[in-house]
Amino acid sequence: MAWTCSALQDVEPQGLPVTYWFDAAPAGDPYPISVQLTGRRLGDSGIPTGDTFQVLRTLPHVLPGSGRVALSTTVHDIPSGEWQVTAEPVTSARPDAAGTSGRPIGLAKARTTGSTIFLPVARIRAPGARLGAWPSLVASGAVVALTLQFLLATNRHLPAGRLLGISLVACLLGLAGAKTYYLLTHRQQKTSALRAGMSVQGFILAAVTTLVLGSWWAGIPLGPMLDATAPGLLFGLMIGRLGCFFGGCCTGRPTASRWGLWSSDRAVGVRRIPVQLMESTLAGLVAAGTLTAVLLIRPATGGLLFIAGLAAYISGRQLLFPLRGIPRKTSWGRQATLVLATLVLLATVAWLLASAR
């Protein structure tokens, strides 16, 4: 994968992103492939130098019928410059069209040349992963959330300026909470805090706690404040999940279904269940329902709409988790969260209906 930012052309550390493309078998059982990547650094005149590397890249489960597959890796701890890379499949036990597994069929050997790029960029460059998609869409979601909260707060005669300031602080602390939550739940990953991912659960916990405490300290009524916040928060989550799809995180399982969409987790690009888009749609539907209720229900519900909207989103999110490509860490955590969120949703809706009579 090439990159054209000349300002970081020679900034260390450098890495070499490489992708090997192949077509999955049309039918049969899942099978593994292994590809040996061999690189030789080229000098100024195009003559190979003495610098070399070898990397074995293995994909243990190729799903037949999933179409075109991109197997990506980033080679690091090598000298910067131009490299000639040869990709040679060393293992390919794939089924034939009749569905009999175990017959080795050789995949194509390939060769190309390319230059190293700034390593942090190399690690997130892959076919199907758009550079900058996640931060730009998450930031756009935050802007939409804050704008809608400000408008609804003004409509409810709340101190919108003070609430906006508190919400900005809540967003910043929410990002810290998202990073902390990810690190605590992914301790097996040996990565720095800067490179670690973020979890939306941590963002919601930290941001909502900050928002409630800040509003209480500023003398803003908590119930109306929460109701004015709910639609914006959910619309922000809707937009942020689009960033996950285009940025290559929270990906769905590979699928051979015609309803799958080609996407990448920055390591394997393949047709997948578009679970990020499904969760984005879920958040958007709940946001639209919450916004309609906030505008139509008078007087304010004392924060019940916020609780109902968040519980509905959490319940739907738990139903979508099995479609993700990352296995859950416990067999009971998702079920417990789903039951608790559903009970909260039902109780809140019942309370709202009883109050409307």
Protein backbone atom coordinates (compact mmCIF):
# COMPACT_ATOMS: atom_id res chain seq x y z
CA MET A 1 0.00 0.00 0.00
CA ALA A 2 1.44 3.33 -1.06
CA TRP A 3 1.16 6.63 0.81
CA THR A 4 1.91 10.06 -0.62
CA CYS A 5 2.57 12.29 2.41
CA SER A 6 6.08 13.50 1.61
CA ALA A 7 6.45 15.24 4.99
CA LEU A 8 6.68 11.83 6.71
CA GLN A 9 8.51 10.09 3.88
CA ASP A 10 11.66 9.36 5.88
CA VAL A 11 10.40 9.70 9.46
CA GLU A 12 11.32 6.75 11.66
CA PRO A 13 10.12 4.15 12.44
CA GLN A 14 9.34 2.82 8.98
CA GLY A 15 7.25 -0.17 7.91
CA LEU A 16 6.30 -1.96 4.72
CA PRO A 17 2.58 -2.80 4.27
CA VAL A 18 2.07 -5.76 1.92
CA THR A 19 -1.15 -7.42 0.70
CA TYR A 20 -1.54 -10.79 -1.01
CA TRP A 21 -4.78 -11.26 -2.97
CA PHE A 22 -6.43 -14.58 -3.81
CA ASP A 23 -9.87 -16.06 -4.53
CA ALA A 24 -11.51 -18.35 -2.01
CA ALA A 25 -12.63 -21.78 -3.18
CA PRO A 26 -16.22 -21.77 -4.47
CA ALA A 27 -17.44 -24.57 -2.18
CA GLY A 28 -16.45 -27.06 0.51
CA ASP A 29 -15.16 -26.80 4.07
CA PRO A 30 -13.09 -23.95 5.58
CA TYR A 31 -9.37 -24.44 4.94
CA PRO A 32 -6.04 -22.77 5.82
CA ILE A 33 -3.49 -21.02 3.65
CA SER A 34 0.04 -19.86 4.44
CA VAL A 35 2.02 -17.39 2.37
CA GLN A 36 5.78 -16.83 2.62
CA LEU A 37 6.79 -13.19 2.06
CA THR A 38 10.44 -12.68 1.08
CA GLY A 39 11.85 -9.20 0.66
CA ARG A 40 15.12 -7.76 -0.69
CA ARG A 41 15.96 -4.09 -0.32
CA LEU A 42 16.90 -2.34 -3.54
CA GLY A 43 19.70 0.20 -3.78
CA ASP A 44 19.60 3.53 -5.58
CA SER A 45 20.31 1.84 -8.92
CA GLY A 46 17.70 -0.86 -8.40
CA ILE A 47 20.30 -3.51 -7.55
CA PRO A 48 19.45 -5.68 -4.51
CA THR A 49 21.44 -4.96 -1.36
CA GLY A 50 22.21 -7.40 1.43
CA ASP A 51 19.12 -6.47 3.48
CA THR A 52 16.41 -9.14 3.43
CA PHE A 53 13.41 -10.34 5.44
CA GLN A 54 11.14 -13.36 5.54
CA VAL A 55 7.62 -13.37 7.02
CA LEU A 56 5.16 -16.26 7.11
CA ARG A 57 1.54 -15.09 7.04
CA THR A 58 -1.13 -17.69 7.87
CA LEU A 59 -4.90 -17.48 7.56
CA PRO A 60 -6.25 -20.53 9.41
CA HIS A 61 -9.86 -20.39 8.18
CA VAL A 62 -10.68 -19.40 4.61
CA LEU A 63 -14.44 -19.56 4.08
CA PRO A 64 -15.33 -21.10 0.69
CA GLY A 65 -17.65 -18.92 -1.35
CA SER A 66 -16.49 -15.70 0.31
CA GLY A 67 -14.96 -14.40 -2.92
CA ARG A 68 -11.88 -12.20 -3.20
CA VAL A 69 -9.63 -12.20 -0.10
CA ALA A 70 -6.88 -9.70 0.79
CA LEU A 71 -4.31 -10.99 3.28
CA SER A 72 -2.38 -7.99 4.65
CA THR A 73 0.62 -7.65 6.92
CA THR A 74 3.06 -4.92 7.94
CA VAL A 75 6.76 -5.75 7.98
CA HIS A 76 8.69 -3.65 10.50
CA ASP A 77 12.18 -3.52 12.02
CA ILE A 78 13.68 -3.29 8.54
CA PRO A 79 15.77 -0.53 6.90
CA SER A 80 13.77 2.15 5.10
CA GLY A 81 13.81 2.33 1.31
CA GLU A 82 12.48 0.44 -1.69
CA TRP A 83 11.90 -3.30 -1.38
CA GLN A 84 11.21 -6.10 -3.83
CA VAL A 85 8.78 -8.56 -2.23
CA THR A 86 7.94 -12.06 -3.41
CA ALA A 87 4.82 -13.82 -2.09
CA GLU A 88 4.77 -17.59 -2.42
CA PRO A 89 2.01 -19.82 -1.01
CA VAL A 90 3.55 -22.65 0.98
CA THR A 91 0.32 -24.23 2.27
CA SER A 92 -3.01 -24.38 0.50
CA ALA A 93 -5.26 -27.28 1.36
CA ARG A 94 -8.55 -26.20 -0.15
CA PRO A 95 -11.65 -28.06 -1.28
CA ASP A 96 -12.38 -28.57 -4.92
CA ALA A 97 -15.67 -27.65 -6.58
CA ALA A 98 -17.17 -31.00 -5.61
CA GLY A 99 -16.62 -30.23 -1.92
CA THR A 100 -13.87 -32.77 -1.20
CA SER A 101 -11.46 -31.21 1.25
CA GLY A 102 -7.76 -31.76 1.59
CA ARG A 103 -6.64 -31.61 -2.05
CA PRO A 104 -3.73 -29.14 -2.21
CA ILE A 105 -4.11 -26.56 -4.95
CA GLY A 106 -1.31 -24.07 -5.46
CA LEU A 107 -2.13 -20.37 -5.41
CA ALA A 108 -0.33 -17.86 -7.59
CA LYS A 109 3.18 -16.72 -6.82
CA ALA A 110 3.52 -12.94 -7.05
CA ARG A 111 6.23 -10.27 -6.98
CA THR A 112 6.10 -6.51 -6.59
CA THR A 113 8.17 -3.56 -5.41
CA GLY A 114 7.28 -0.80 -2.97
CA SER A 115 8.74 1.66 -0.47
CA THR A 116 8.50 1.77 3.28
CA ILE A 117 6.28 4.39 4.93
CA PHE A 118 5.80 5.81 8.43
CA LEU A 119 5.08 2.75 10.62
CA PRO A 120 1.98 4.07 12.50
CA VAL A 121 0.40 4.76 9.11
CA ALA A 122 1.55 1.43 7.68
CA ARG A 123 -0.22 -0.44 10.48
CA ILE A 124 -3.61 1.01 9.56
CA ARG A 125 -3.22 0.94 5.76
CA ALA A 126 -4.93 -1.97 4.04
CA PRO A 127 -7.40 -2.49 1.19
CA GLY A 128 -10.84 -1.48 2.48
CA ALA A 129 -9.54 0.54 5.44
CA ARG A 130 -9.72 4.29 4.78
CA LEU A 131 -7.04 6.33 6.48
CA GLY A 132 -8.64 8.88 8.82
CA ALA A 133 -12.19 7.52 8.41
CA TRP A 134 -12.64 6.58 12.06
CA PRO A 135 -11.46 9.84 13.72
CA SER A 136 -13.24 12.04 11.18
CA LEU A 137 -16.59 10.26 11.47
CA VAL A 138 -16.39 9.96 15.26
CA ALA A 139 -15.63 13.68 15.45
CA SER A 140 -18.55 14.39 13.13
CA GLY A 141 -20.80 12.32 15.39
CA ALA A 142 -19.67 14.35 18.40
CA VAL A 143 -20.44 17.62 16.60
CA VAL A 144 -23.93 16.37 15.67
CA ALA A 145 -24.55 15.18 19.24
CA LEU A 146 -23.48 18.47 20.82
CA THR A 147 -25.43 20.55 18.31
CA LEU A 148 -28.64 18.58 18.81
CA GLN A 149 -28.22 18.67 22.58
CA PHE A 150 -27.78 22.46 22.46
CA LEU A 151 -30.93 22.93 20.36
CA LEU A 152 -33.05 20.66 22.56
CA ALA A 153 -31.71 22.29 25.72
CA THR A 154 -32.66 25.69 24.34
CA ASN A 155 -36.11 24.34 23.46
CA ARG A 156 -36.50 23.05 27.04
CA HIS A 157 -35.32 26.39 28.49
CA LEU A 158 -32.19 24.89 30.00
CA PRO A 159 -28.90 26.82 30.31
CA ALA A 160 -27.62 25.54 26.96
CA GLY A 161 -24.28 27.36 27.11
CA ARG A 162 -23.29 25.88 30.46
CA LEU A 163 -24.51 22.45 29.39
CA LEU A 164 -22.44 22.64 26.20
CA GLY A 165 -19.29 23.40 28.19
CA ILE A 166 -19.93 20.46 30.52
CA SER A 167 -20.62 18.20 27.54
CA LEU A 168 -17.31 19.13 25.90
CA VAL A 169 -15.48 18.10 29.08
CA ALA A 170 -17.58 14.92 29.20
CA CYS A 171 -16.53 14.06 25.64
CA LEU A 172 -12.84 14.42 26.48
CA LEU A 173 -13.14 12.33 29.63
CA GLY A 174 -15.26 9.87 27.65
CA LEU A 175 -12.36 9.31 25.24
CA ALA A 176 -10.08 8.60 28.21
CA GLY A 177 -12.71 6.23 29.59
CA ALA A 178 -12.99 4.45 26.24
CA LYS A 179 -9.23 3.91 26.13
CA THR A 180 -9.08 2.76 29.78
CA TYR A 181 -11.98 0.35 29.35
CA TYR A 182 -10.32 -1.19 26.29
CA LEU A 183 -7.00 -1.66 28.08
CA LEU A 184 -8.70 -3.29 31.07
CA THR A 185 -10.68 -5.72 28.90
CA HIS A 186 -7.83 -6.54 26.48
CA ARG A 187 -4.94 -7.18 28.84
CA GLN A 188 -3.71 -10.09 26.72
CA GLN A 189 -2.85 -7.67 23.90
CA LYS A 190 0.73 -6.49 24.28
CA THR A 191 0.40 -2.96 22.94
CA SER A 192 1.03 0.57 24.12
CA ALA A 193 -1.77 2.74 25.49
CA LEU A 194 -1.42 5.07 22.51
CA ARG A 195 -1.93 2.29 19.95
CA ALA A 196 -4.65 0.49 21.90
CA GLY A 197 -8.23 0.70 20.70
CA MET A 198 -11.27 2.22 22.37
CA SER A 199 -14.56 0.78 23.64
CA VAL A 200 -17.86 2.60 23.34
CA GLN A 201 -18.90 1.16 26.72
CA GLY A 202 -16.07 3.05 28.42
CA PHE A 203 -16.98 6.25 26.59
CA ILE A 204 -20.63 6.09 27.66
CA LEU A 205 -19.78 5.29 31.28
CA ALA A 206 -17.23 8.10 31.64
CA ALA A 207 -19.11 10.69 29.58
CA VAL A 208 -22.52 10.17 31.18
CA THR A 209 -21.03 10.15 34.70
CA THR A 210 -19.19 13.41 33.97
CA LEU A 211 -22.32 14.93 32.44
CA VAL A 212 -24.50 14.04 35.44
CA LEU A 213 -21.99 15.24 38.04
CA GLY A 214 -21.20 18.40 36.09
CA SER A 215 -24.87 19.27 35.60
CA TRP A 216 -25.61 18.66 39.29
CA TRP A 217 -22.70 20.93 40.24
CA ALA A 218 -23.87 23.62 37.78
CA GLY A 219 -27.46 23.47 39.00
CA ILE A 220 -28.92 22.11 35.75
CA PRO A 221 -32.04 19.91 36.25
CA LEU A 222 -30.86 16.36 35.68
CA GLY A 223 -34.05 14.86 34.22
CA PRO A 224 -34.63 17.42 31.46
CA MET A 225 -30.88 17.52 30.77
CA LEU A 226 -30.75 13.75 30.19
CA ASP A 227 -33.80 13.82 27.91
CA ALA A 228 -32.23 16.62 25.86
CA THR A 229 -28.98 14.61 25.62
CA ALA A 230 -30.36 11.21 24.58
CA PRO A 231 -31.13 11.83 20.86
CA GLY A 232 -27.79 13.52 20.21
CA LEU A 233 -25.83 10.77 21.96
CA LEU A 234 -27.54 8.08 19.88
CA PHE A 235 -27.19 9.97 16.60
CA GLY A 236 -23.49 10.42 17.44
CA LEU A 237 -23.14 6.66 17.96
CA MET A 238 -24.87 6.09 14.62
CA ILE A 239 -22.31 8.23 12.78
CA GLY A 240 -19.37 6.85 14.77
CA ARG A 241 -20.21 3.27 13.78
CA LEU A 242 -19.82 4.27 10.13
CA GLY A 243 -16.24 5.17 11.04
CA CYS A 244 -15.76 1.63 12.35
CA PHE A 245 -16.90 0.17 9.02
CA PHE A 246 -14.70 2.36 6.85
CA GLY A 247 -11.78 2.38 9.29
CA GLY A 248 -11.54 -1.40 9.70
CA CYS A 249 -12.53 -2.09 13.33
CA CYS A 250 -15.34 -4.00 15.10
CA THR A 251 -15.73 -6.06 11.93
CA GLY A 252 -18.28 -8.79 11.31
CA ARG A 253 -17.64 -12.46 10.64
CA PRO A 254 -16.66 -13.55 7.12
CA THR A 255 -19.63 -14.82 5.15
CA ALA A 256 -20.46 -16.39 1.81
CA SER A 257 -23.91 -14.78 1.80
CA ARG A 258 -24.86 -12.44 -1.02
CA TRP A 259 -25.90 -9.95 1.67
CA GLY A 260 -22.34 -9.65 2.94
CA LEU A 261 -20.22 -6.58 2.16
CA TRP A 262 -16.51 -6.60 1.39
CA SER A 263 -14.65 -4.97 4.27
CA SER A 264 -11.39 -5.29 6.17
CA ASP A 265 -10.13 -5.51 9.73
CA ARG A 266 -6.79 -4.20 8.38
CA ALA A 267 -5.45 -7.75 8.40
CA VAL A 268 -7.95 -9.68 6.26
CA GLY A 269 -10.22 -8.13 3.67
CA VAL A 270 -13.13 -10.38 2.73
CA ARG A 271 -16.89 -10.40 2.38
CA ARG A 272 -18.26 -9.95 5.90
CA ILE A 273 -21.50 -9.51 7.82
CA PRO A 274 -21.77 -5.68 7.97
CA VAL A 275 -22.35 -5.63 11.73
CA GLN A 276 -21.07 -2.04 12.09
CA LEU A 277 -23.71 -0.81 9.64
CA MET A 278 -26.36 -2.86 11.42
CA GLU A 279 -25.42 -1.30 14.75
CA SER A 280 -25.37 2.14 13.13
CA THR A 281 -28.91 1.54 11.85
CA LEU A 282 -29.99 0.39 15.31
CA ALA A 283 -28.61 3.54 16.94
CA GLY A 284 -30.25 5.72 14.27
CA LEU A 285 -33.68 4.13 14.75
CA VAL A 286 -33.52 4.44 18.53
CA ALA A 287 -32.29 8.04 18.16
CA ALA A 288 -35.19 8.93 15.85
CA GLY A 289 -37.69 7.40 18.25
CA THR A 290 -36.15 9.17 21.23
CA LEU A 291 -36.08 12.51 19.41
CA THR A 292 -39.73 12.16 18.45
CA ALA A 293 -40.67 11.39 22.04
CA VAL A 294 -38.64 14.32 23.40
CA LEU A 295 -40.39 16.73 21.04
CA LEU A 296 -43.91 15.37 21.62
CA ILE A 297 -44.05 14.42 25.29
CA ARG A 298 -44.82 17.30 27.65
CA PRO A 299 -43.88 17.81 30.41
CA ALA A 300 -40.37 16.32 30.54
CA THR A 301 -40.12 12.69 31.64
CA GLY A 302 -37.44 13.19 34.26
CA GLY A 303 -34.73 11.39 32.29
CA LEU A 304 -36.80 8.26 31.54
CA LEU A 305 -36.42 8.77 27.79
CA PHE A 306 -32.65 8.78 28.18
CA ILE A 307 -32.79 5.52 30.16
CA ALA A 308 -35.19 3.91 27.68
CA GLY A 309 -33.14 4.95 24.64
CA LEU A 310 -29.85 3.75 26.12
CA ALA A 311 -31.39 0.46 27.29
CA ALA A 312 -32.86 -0.16 23.83
CA TYR A 313 -29.48 0.47 22.19
CA ILE A 314 -27.65 -1.79 24.65
CA SER A 315 -30.19 -4.60 24.16
CA GLY A 316 -29.88 -4.45 20.38
CA ARG A 317 -26.11 -4.24 20.60
CA GLN A 318 -25.96 -7.45 22.64
CA LEU A 319 -28.04 -9.23 19.98
CA LEU A 320 -25.54 -8.14 17.32
CA PHE A 321 -22.41 -9.18 19.23
CA PRO A 322 -22.43 -12.83 17.99
CA LEU A 323 -22.14 -11.51 14.42
CA ARG A 324 -18.77 -9.93 15.17
CA GLY A 325 -15.54 -11.54 14.10
CA ILE A 326 -14.02 -11.18 17.58
CA PRO A 327 -15.14 -13.89 20.04
CA ARG A 328 -16.58 -12.81 23.38
CA LYS A 329 -14.48 -13.40 26.48
CA THR A 330 -17.26 -14.94 28.60
CA SER A 331 -20.30 -17.04 27.78
CA TRP A 332 -22.53 -15.32 30.32
CA GLY A 333 -21.61 -11.62 30.16
CA ARG A 334 -23.59 -10.91 26.99
CA GLN A 335 -26.67 -12.78 28.20
CA ALA A 336 -26.61 -11.04 31.60
CA THR A 337 -26.27 -7.61 30.00
CA LEU A 338 -29.04 -8.39 27.50
CA VAL A 339 -31.45 -9.52 30.22
CA LEU A 340 -30.68 -6.54 32.47
CA ALA A 341 -30.98 -3.98 29.65
CA THR A 342 -34.24 -5.54 28.43
CA LEU A 343 -35.75 -5.47 31.91
CA VAL A 344 -34.75 -1.82 32.32
CA LEU A 345 -36.27 -0.98 28.93
CA LEU A 346 -39.56 -2.74 29.71
CA ALA A 347 -39.81 -1.16 33.14
CA THR A 348 -39.08 2.31 31.76
CA VAL A 349 -41.60 1.99 28.92
CA ALA A 350 -44.23 0.74 31.37
CA TRP A 351 -43.53 3.70 33.64
CA LEU A 352 -43.83 6.14 30.73
CA LEU A 353 -47.13 4.61 29.60
CA ALA A 354 -48.51 4.71 33.11
CA SER A 355 -47.47 8.35 33.51
CA ALA A 356 -49.18 9.28 30.25
CA ARG A 357 -52.59 8.12 31.45
